[in-house]
Protein backbone atom coordinates (compact mmCIF):
# COMPACT_ATOMS: atom_id res chain seq x y z
CA MET A 1 17.61 45.87 -23.81
CA SER A 2 14.95 47.31 -26.36
CA LYS A 3 11.58 47.05 -25.81
CA ARG A 4 8.45 46.74 -28.51
CA LEU A 5 5.48 48.92 -28.65
CA PHE A 6 2.24 48.81 -30.30
CA VAL A 7 1.12 52.33 -31.97
CA GLY A 8 -2.64 51.40 -33.16
CA SER A 9 -5.16 54.16 -34.90
CA ILE A 10 -2.35 55.40 -37.53
CA ALA A 11 -3.85 57.34 -40.17
CA TRP A 12 -3.22 55.66 -43.72
CA THR A 13 -1.31 58.22 -45.06
CA THR A 14 1.76 57.72 -42.35
CA THR A 15 4.51 56.18 -43.26
CA ASP A 16 7.48 54.68 -41.40
CA ASP A 17 9.52 57.43 -41.29
CA GLY A 18 6.80 59.33 -40.16
CA LEU A 19 5.79 56.93 -36.92
CA LYS A 20 9.97 57.11 -36.52
CA ALA A 21 10.13 60.86 -36.25
CA HIS A 22 7.36 61.15 -34.06
CA PHE A 23 8.67 58.68 -31.62
CA GLU A 24 12.15 60.16 -32.06
CA GLN A 25 11.18 63.27 -29.66
CA VAL A 26 11.09 61.22 -26.38
CA GLY A 27 14.01 58.72 -27.11
CA ALA A 28 16.22 56.85 -29.18
CA VAL A 29 14.19 54.54 -32.04
CA GLU A 30 15.75 51.54 -33.05
CA SER A 31 12.96 50.57 -35.93
CA ALA A 32 9.21 51.57 -36.71
CA ALA A 33 6.99 50.13 -39.25
CA VAL A 34 3.52 50.42 -40.29
CA ILE A 35 2.13 47.10 -41.24
CA MET A 36 1.12 47.19 -44.56
CA ASP A 37 -2.13 45.22 -46.24
CA LYS A 38 -0.03 42.26 -48.81
CA MET A 39 -3.20 42.68 -51.12
CA SER A 40 -3.92 46.45 -51.53
CA GLY A 41 -0.85 47.63 -50.61
CA ARG A 42 -2.03 50.45 -47.90
CA SER A 43 -1.66 50.46 -44.46
CA LYS A 44 -3.86 48.30 -42.11
CA GLY A 45 -3.96 51.60 -39.25
CA PHE A 46 -1.34 49.93 -36.60
CA GLY A 47 2.21 49.67 -36.51
CA PHE A 48 5.29 48.79 -34.28
CA VAL A 49 7.82 50.82 -32.55
CA GLU A 50 11.23 49.32 -31.11
CA MET A 51 12.55 51.58 -28.57
CA ALA A 52 16.44 51.52 -27.45
CA ASN A 53 15.61 51.18 -23.63
CA ASP A 54 13.00 50.58 -21.12
CA ALA A 55 13.00 53.97 -19.96
CA ASP A 56 12.03 55.42 -23.47
CA ALA A 57 9.58 52.96 -24.09
CA SER A 58 8.00 53.87 -20.81
CA ALA A 59 8.02 57.54 -21.63
CA ALA A 60 6.90 56.82 -25.24
CA ILE A 61 4.00 55.20 -23.73
CA GLU A 62 3.23 57.94 -21.25
CA LYS A 63 4.08 60.97 -23.56
CA LEU A 64 2.79 60.07 -26.97
CA ASN A 65 -0.68 57.69 -26.13
CA GLY A 66 -3.35 59.83 -27.20
CA SER A 67 -1.19 62.32 -28.94
CA GLU A 68 -1.72 63.30 -32.65
CA LEU A 69 -0.11 61.96 -35.96
CA ASP A 70 -0.91 62.80 -39.23
CA GLY A 71 -4.39 64.19 -37.95
CA ARG A 72 -5.50 61.05 -36.03
CA LYS A 73 -5.31 60.53 -32.30
CA ILE A 74 -2.75 57.13 -31.77
CA VAL A 75 -2.79 54.64 -29.40
CA VAL A 76 0.58 53.17 -27.53
CA SER A 77 0.83 50.31 -25.50
CA GLU A 78 3.61 47.59 -24.94
CA ALA A 79 3.34 45.18 -27.77
CA ARG A 80 2.27 41.61 -26.85
CA PRO A 81 4.32 38.61 -28.19
CA LYS A 82 2.96 36.93 -31.28
CA GLN A 83 0.52 34.27 -30.95
CA GLN A 84 1.42 30.76 -32.02
């Protein structure tokens, strides 16, 4: 079962593909998305990555939290469910 991760402090220049490639270093990635502002079309500075399984998700949190991506140290944690 896949597990969704929150990724914060993303550089404005980071793309979905760049985010996916960074996380593929530690395991299988099902999807990766940088959240964009609808009005400006610019990154909001965070995104979500869906890892293929719990083991890969745990490894990603452990190894990539605090790692550098496109010149910024990113924050990686388990995503919380959407608020109603």
